[in-house]
């Protein structure tokens, strides 16, 4: 990438057939739909892609399929998280070799009781940075239970050449983003918001340059970022207000299931199946999701019709 990546970088859902097998053609249609949504990049194999329910062989199939099908139309970010540093390094090298523009990784963790010390976390990222020449996005998420204090993130940004992007999805994200940008200065190339944009305005106020949401409706969230970064803060706030009911419902009630359900309803994919032990959303939750998405006229809801 010649210029720093900014804007909307959503996570692609992984479509499955109703029997739980990979839907490869559906994955291609997801990529096409997301590009039509006007995304600035696409992240694959993330938590909202059900990465923790995929085999290593399936990961390889999906990585190759997505990179080949995107064919340079937008940058592809490949999530490579794993507890074992050796596996993360191999995943990072494979992603770069296939044409990934960036990799994203969480700190190593295996439940809240098995988290390395800060130096071990630093060395985990250091090994990946030394193995590749593309940027690394640090995913700072409560899911891991691994603390990533600002001083550790800044140390990584200063000392590790490729650690330049940060996805902050912790409570009080705006304060952490502001502190990170202030302490890290020019070493913080890409401070990003997440959490389905539920705190997007505060995070943009703090200096975030973009957001990694789900693929449910980035076409409606992108204008919030575009307007804000153009100095039109009033317009950005109005856009955000119009999106908030759907943002909140997705974030608090639906989770990773939302994008697949909206895409199935819109003819992008044939099934919104999630792998066991995840469960489909209730009829009640689904009905409200489709109602709110319809009121916003999100592209995914009509893309395949």
Protein backbone atom coordinates (compact mmCIF):
# COMPACT_ATOMS: atom_id res chain seq x y z
CA UNK A 1 0.00 0.00 0.00
CA UNK A 2 1.46 3.32 -1.06
CA UNK A 3 -0.81 5.36 1.20
CA UNK A 4 -1.97 4.61 4.77
CA UNK A 5 -5.19 2.63 4.81
CA UNK A 6 -8.15 4.62 6.18
CA UNK A 7 -11.93 4.45 6.04
CA UNK A 8 -14.12 1.37 6.37
CA UNK A 9 -12.44 -2.05 6.58
CA UNK A 10 -15.21 -4.55 7.36
CA UNK A 11 -14.88 -8.20 8.28
CA UNK A 12 -16.18 -10.67 5.71
CA UNK A 13 -18.49 -13.35 7.08
CA UNK A 14 -17.75 -16.95 6.13
CA UNK A 15 -20.80 -18.46 4.42
CA UNK A 16 -21.69 -22.09 5.00
CA UNK A 17 -24.26 -24.28 3.34
CA UNK A 18 -27.13 -25.39 5.56
CA UNK A 19 -25.22 -28.61 6.31
CA UNK A 20 -22.26 -26.61 7.67
CA UNK A 21 -19.87 -27.11 4.74
CA UNK A 22 -18.03 -24.17 3.19
CA UNK A 23 -19.95 -22.25 0.53
CA UNK A 24 -17.13 -21.24 -1.78
CA UNK A 25 -19.33 -19.59 -4.38
CA UNK A 26 -21.11 -17.75 -1.58
CA UNK A 27 -17.72 -16.48 -0.38
CA UNK A 28 -17.06 -15.03 -3.82
CA UNK A 29 -20.44 -13.31 -3.77
CA UNK A 30 -19.71 -11.90 -0.29
CA UNK A 31 -16.48 -10.36 -1.61
CA UNK A 32 -18.31 -8.89 -4.62
CA UNK A 33 -21.10 -7.49 -2.45
CA UNK A 34 -18.62 -5.89 -0.05
CA UNK A 35 -16.74 -4.26 -2.91
CA UNK A 36 -20.06 -2.90 -4.18
CA UNK A 37 -20.68 -1.55 -0.67
CA UNK A 38 -17.73 0.77 -1.27
CA UNK A 39 -15.41 -0.70 1.34
CA UNK A 40 -11.80 0.49 1.50
CA UNK A 41 -10.49 -2.98 2.37
CA UNK A 42 -11.82 -6.36 3.47
CA UNK A 43 -10.68 -8.36 6.49
CA UNK A 44 -11.01 -12.15 6.31
CA UNK A 45 -10.66 -15.01 8.80
CA UNK A 46 -11.44 -12.75 11.75
CA UNK A 47 -13.59 -13.57 14.77
CA UNK A 48 -16.67 -12.32 12.90
CA UNK A 49 -15.63 -14.73 10.13
CA UNK A 50 -15.99 -17.60 12.66
CA UNK A 51 -12.24 -18.19 12.43
CA UNK A 52 -12.33 -20.23 15.63
CA UNK A 53 -14.67 -22.72 13.88
CA UNK A 54 -12.50 -23.27 10.80
CA UNK A 55 -9.95 -26.01 10.19
CA UNK A 56 -6.46 -25.13 8.98
CA UNK A 57 -7.31 -26.60 5.59
CA UNK A 58 -10.44 -24.45 5.36
CA UNK A 59 -8.48 -21.34 6.31
CA UNK A 60 -6.09 -21.99 3.45
CA UNK A 61 -8.94 -22.50 0.97
CA UNK A 62 -10.65 -19.29 2.08
CA UNK A 63 -7.48 -17.21 2.06
CA UNK A 64 -6.57 -18.30 -1.46
CA UNK A 65 -10.15 -17.92 -2.72
CA UNK A 66 -10.64 -14.43 -1.29
CA UNK A 67 -7.30 -13.08 -2.47
CA UNK A 68 -7.69 -14.52 -5.94
CA UNK A 69 -11.30 -13.36 -6.30
CA UNK A 70 -10.65 -9.86 -4.97
CA UNK A 71 -7.85 -9.69 -7.53
CA UNK A 72 -6.53 -6.39 -6.25
CA UNK A 73 -9.85 -4.56 -6.42
CA UNK A 74 -9.50 -3.77 -2.71
CA UNK A 75 -6.76 -4.60 -0.18
CA UNK A 76 -7.32 -7.82 1.75
CA UNK A 77 -6.37 -8.07 5.43
CA UNK A 78 -5.81 -11.63 6.66
CA UNK A 79 -6.30 -12.47 10.33
CA UNK A 80 -3.58 -14.84 11.56
CA UNK A 81 -4.16 -15.07 15.34
CA UNK A 82 -2.96 -18.17 17.18
CA UNK A 83 -1.41 -18.87 20.57
CA UNK A 84 1.71 -20.51 19.13
CA UNK A 85 4.13 -17.97 17.70
CA UNK A 86 5.43 -20.42 15.11
CA UNK A 87 1.99 -20.90 13.60
CA UNK A 88 1.32 -17.16 13.51
CA UNK A 89 4.62 -16.61 11.68
CA UNK A 90 3.79 -19.28 9.09
CA UNK A 91 0.29 -17.87 8.60
CA UNK A 92 1.73 -14.39 8.13
CA UNK A 93 4.27 -15.57 5.55
CA UNK A 94 1.60 -17.49 3.64
CA UNK A 95 -0.73 -14.46 3.63
CA UNK A 96 1.98 -12.18 2.29
CA UNK A 97 3.00 -14.73 -0.35
CA UNK A 98 -0.60 -14.91 -1.60
CA UNK A 99 -0.91 -11.14 -1.89
CA UNK A 100 -2.41 -9.95 1.40
CA UNK A 101 -2.01 -6.21 1.97
CA UNK A 102 -1.90 -6.55 5.76
CA UNK A 103 -2.27 -9.12 8.52
CA UNK A 104 -4.23 -8.70 11.72
CA UNK A 105 -3.50 -10.55 14.94
CA UNK A 106 -4.56 -10.70 18.53
CA UNK A 107 -2.07 -11.24 21.34
CA UNK A 108 -1.51 -14.90 22.22
CA UNK A 109 -4.13 -16.20 24.63
CA UNK A 110 -5.87 -19.42 25.58
CA UNK A 111 -8.49 -18.35 28.05
CA UNK A 112 -8.00 -15.66 30.64
CA UNK A 113 -5.82 -17.98 32.74
CA UNK A 114 -3.22 -18.55 30.03
CA UNK A 115 -1.86 -15.21 28.84
CA UNK A 116 1.86 -14.52 28.37
CA UNK A 117 3.66 -11.73 30.17
CA UNK A 118 4.08 -8.43 28.28
CA UNK A 119 7.54 -9.41 27.03
CA UNK A 120 6.13 -12.64 25.61
CA UNK A 121 3.40 -10.68 23.81
CA UNK A 122 6.02 -8.30 22.43
CA UNK A 123 8.15 -11.19 21.17
CA UNK A 124 5.08 -12.79 19.56
CA UNK A 125 4.51 -9.67 17.44
CA UNK A 126 8.26 -9.20 16.93
CA UNK A 127 8.57 -12.63 15.33
CA UNK A 128 5.83 -11.83 12.83
CA UNK A 129 7.21 -8.37 12.07
CA UNK A 130 10.62 -9.87 11.36
CA UNK A 131 9.14 -12.50 9.05
CA UNK A 132 7.14 -10.28 6.67
CA UNK A 133 7.25 -6.88 4.98
CA UNK A 134 3.55 -5.93 5.08
CA UNK A 135 1.81 -4.00 7.89
CA UNK A 136 0.47 -5.68 11.00
CA UNK A 137 -2.75 -4.57 12.68
CA UNK A 138 -2.87 -5.26 16.42
CA UNK A 139 -6.35 -6.37 17.47
CA UNK A 140 -6.91 -5.12 21.01
CA UNK A 141 -10.09 -6.94 22.05
CA UNK A 142 -11.51 -7.95 25.44
CA UNK A 143 -12.17 -11.40 23.96
CA UNK A 144 -8.54 -12.36 24.50
CA UNK A 145 -8.31 -11.37 28.14
CA UNK A 146 -4.73 -10.34 27.34
CA UNK A 147 -4.06 -6.79 28.50
CA UNK A 148 -2.45 -4.48 25.95
CA UNK A 149 -1.66 -1.28 27.85
CA UNK A 150 -0.81 1.82 25.86
CA UNK A 151 2.86 1.69 26.80
CA UNK A 152 3.18 -1.83 25.36
CA UNK A 153 1.38 -0.84 22.15
CA UNK A 154 3.60 2.21 21.77
CA UNK A 155 6.73 0.13 22.36
CA UNK A 156 5.64 -2.26 19.61
CA UNK A 157 4.91 0.64 17.25
CA UNK A 158 8.31 2.21 17.90
CA UNK A 159 10.48 -0.91 17.88
CA UNK A 160 8.72 -3.24 15.42
CA UNK A 161 8.87 -1.98 11.86
CA UNK A 162 5.61 -3.47 10.61
CA UNK A 163 3.39 -2.93 13.67
CA UNK A 164 1.65 0.24 12.53
CA UNK A 165 -2.13 -0.34 12.69
CA UNK A 166 -4.26 -0.74 15.80
CA UNK A 167 -7.84 -1.90 16.11
CA UNK A 168 -9.10 -0.79 19.51
CA UNK A 169 -12.30 -2.45 20.71
CA UNK A 170 -11.90 -2.23 24.45
CA UNK A 171 -14.21 -0.32 26.81
CA UNK A 172 -13.49 3.43 26.73
CA UNK A 173 -11.89 2.96 23.31
CA UNK A 174 -11.81 6.69 22.59
CA UNK A 175 -9.62 7.42 25.61
CA UNK A 176 -7.26 4.59 24.69
CA UNK A 177 -7.08 5.74 21.06
CA UNK A 178 -6.30 9.31 22.14
CA UNK A 179 -3.60 8.13 24.55
CA UNK A 180 -2.11 5.82 21.94
CA UNK A 181 -1.96 8.54 19.29
CA UNK A 182 -0.54 11.06 21.75
CA UNK A 183 2.19 8.74 23.03
CA UNK A 184 2.98 6.99 19.74
CA UNK A 185 2.97 9.99 17.43
CA UNK A 186 4.01 9.24 13.85
CA UNK A 187 4.51 5.56 14.65
CA UNK A 188 0.73 5.11 14.86
CA UNK A 189 -0.16 4.93 11.17
CA UNK A 190 -3.66 3.48 11.48
CA UNK A 191 -5.67 3.94 14.68
CA UNK A 192 -8.98 2.15 14.09
CA UNK A 193 -12.35 1.89 15.76
CA UNK A 194 -14.41 -1.32 15.86
CA UNK A 195 -17.41 -2.78 17.73
CA UNK A 196 -19.83 -2.23 14.81
CA UNK A 197 -19.25 1.54 15.10
CA UNK A 198 -21.21 1.79 18.34
CA UNK A 199 -18.62 4.31 19.64
CA UNK A 200 -17.58 5.66 16.23
CA UNK A 201 -18.17 9.37 16.79
CA UNK A 202 -16.24 9.40 20.06
CA UNK A 203 -13.46 7.39 18.45
CA UNK A 204 -13.25 9.75 15.48
CA UNK A 205 -13.10 12.65 17.95
CA UNK A 206 -10.15 10.85 19.55
CA UNK A 207 -8.29 10.57 16.25
CA UNK A 208 -9.39 7.25 14.74
CA UNK A 209 -8.90 7.22 10.97
CA UNK A 210 -11.36 4.46 10.21
CA UNK A 211 -13.41 1.56 11.48
CA UNK A 212 -13.50 -2.21 11.16
CA UNK A 213 -17.15 -3.15 11.37
CA UNK A 214 -19.06 -6.17 10.15
CA UNK A 215 -20.18 -6.46 6.52
CA UNK A 216 -23.83 -5.80 7.37
CA UNK A 217 -24.01 -2.18 6.22
CA UNK A 218 -20.63 -0.52 5.62
CA UNK A 219 -22.27 1.41 2.77
CA UNK A 220 -24.18 3.38 5.41
CA UNK A 221 -21.34 3.67 7.95
CA UNK A 222 -18.69 4.81 5.48
CA UNK A 223 -20.31 8.26 4.97
CA UNK A 224 -19.97 8.90 8.70
CA UNK A 225 -16.20 8.53 8.40
CA UNK A 226 -15.98 10.35 5.08
CA UNK A 227 -17.97 13.34 6.31
CA UNK A 228 -16.07 13.53 9.59
CA UNK A 229 -12.64 13.37 7.96
CA UNK A 230 -13.74 16.07 5.49
CA UNK A 231 -14.54 18.37 8.41
CA UNK A 232 -18.32 17.99 8.12
CA UNK A 233 -18.84 16.93 11.71
CA UNK A 234 -22.51 17.88 11.84
CA UNK A 235 -23.28 15.75 8.79
CA UNK A 236 -21.27 12.88 10.26
CA UNK A 237 -23.27 13.05 13.47
CA UNK A 238 -26.56 12.99 11.57
CA UNK A 239 -25.46 9.96 9.56
CA UNK A 240 -24.40 8.21 12.75
CA UNK A 241 -27.72 8.96 14.45
CA UNK A 242 -29.61 7.40 11.55
CA UNK A 243 -27.51 4.25 11.80
CA UNK A 244 -27.53 3.90 15.59
CA UNK A 245 -30.63 1.70 16.01
CA UNK A 246 -29.21 -0.91 13.62
CA UNK A 247 -25.68 -0.51 15.02
CA UNK A 248 -26.97 -1.11 18.54
CA UNK A 249 -29.17 -4.07 17.57
CA UNK A 250 -26.31 -5.75 15.73
CA UNK A 251 -23.77 -5.08 18.46
CA UNK A 252 -25.91 -6.07 21.42
CA UNK A 253 -28.35 -8.66 20.05
CA UNK A 254 -26.99 -10.28 16.89
CA UNK A 255 -23.21 -10.34 16.85
CA UNK A 256 -21.52 -12.12 13.95
CA UNK A 257 -24.83 -13.61 12.79
CA UNK A 258 -26.21 -10.28 11.55
CA UNK A 259 -24.19 -9.94 8.36
CA UNK A 260 -24.99 -13.46 7.22
CA UNK A 261 -28.69 -13.09 7.94
CA UNK A 262 -28.94 -9.79 6.06
CA UNK A 263 -26.91 -11.21 3.18
CA UNK A 264 -29.12 -14.29 2.98
CA UNK A 265 -32.23 -12.12 2.99
CA UNK A 266 -30.69 -10.04 0.19
CA UNK A 267 -29.78 -13.01 -1.98
CA UNK A 268 -26.01 -12.67 -1.51
CA UNK A 269 -25.69 -16.12 0.07
CA UNK A 270 -28.04 -19.07 0.32
CA UNK A 271 -27.80 -19.79 4.04
CA UNK A 272 -27.02 -17.89 7.22
CA UNK A 273 -25.87 -21.06 8.98
CA UNK A 274 -23.45 -20.63 11.88
CA UNK A 275 -21.41 -23.56 13.05
CA UNK A 276 -22.19 -25.37 16.29
CA UNK A 277 -21.97 -24.59 19.17
CA UNK A 278 -23.13 -21.17 17.92
CA UNK A 279 -26.88 -20.99 17.54
CA UNK A 280 -29.05 -19.14 15.01
CA UNK A 281 -30.68 -15.97 16.25
CA UNK A 282 -34.28 -16.05 17.43
CA UNK A 283 -37.14 -15.16 15.10
CA UNK A 284 -37.75 -12.10 17.26
CA UNK A 285 -34.19 -10.83 16.93
CA UNK A 286 -34.05 -11.61 13.23
CA UNK A 287 -37.30 -9.78 12.52
CA UNK A 288 -36.07 -6.62 14.19
CA UNK A 289 -32.75 -6.87 12.35
CA UNK A 290 -34.43 -7.10 8.95
CA UNK A 291 -36.84 -4.28 9.82
CA UNK A 292 -34.04 -1.91 10.83
CA UNK A 293 -31.91 -2.86 7.83
CA UNK A 294 -34.88 -2.31 5.51
CA UNK A 295 -35.56 1.13 6.95
CA UNK A 296 -31.94 2.09 6.21
CA UNK A 297 -32.12 0.49 2.74
CA UNK A 298 -28.79 -1.27 3.21
CA UNK A 299 -27.24 -2.57 0.01
CA UNK A 300 -26.69 -6.15 1.22
CA UNK A 301 -30.44 -6.51 1.71
CA UNK A 302 -31.13 -6.06 -1.99
CA UNK A 303 -27.79 -6.87 -3.64
CA UNK A 304 -28.77 -10.29 -4.99
CA UNK A 305 -32.39 -9.60 -5.82
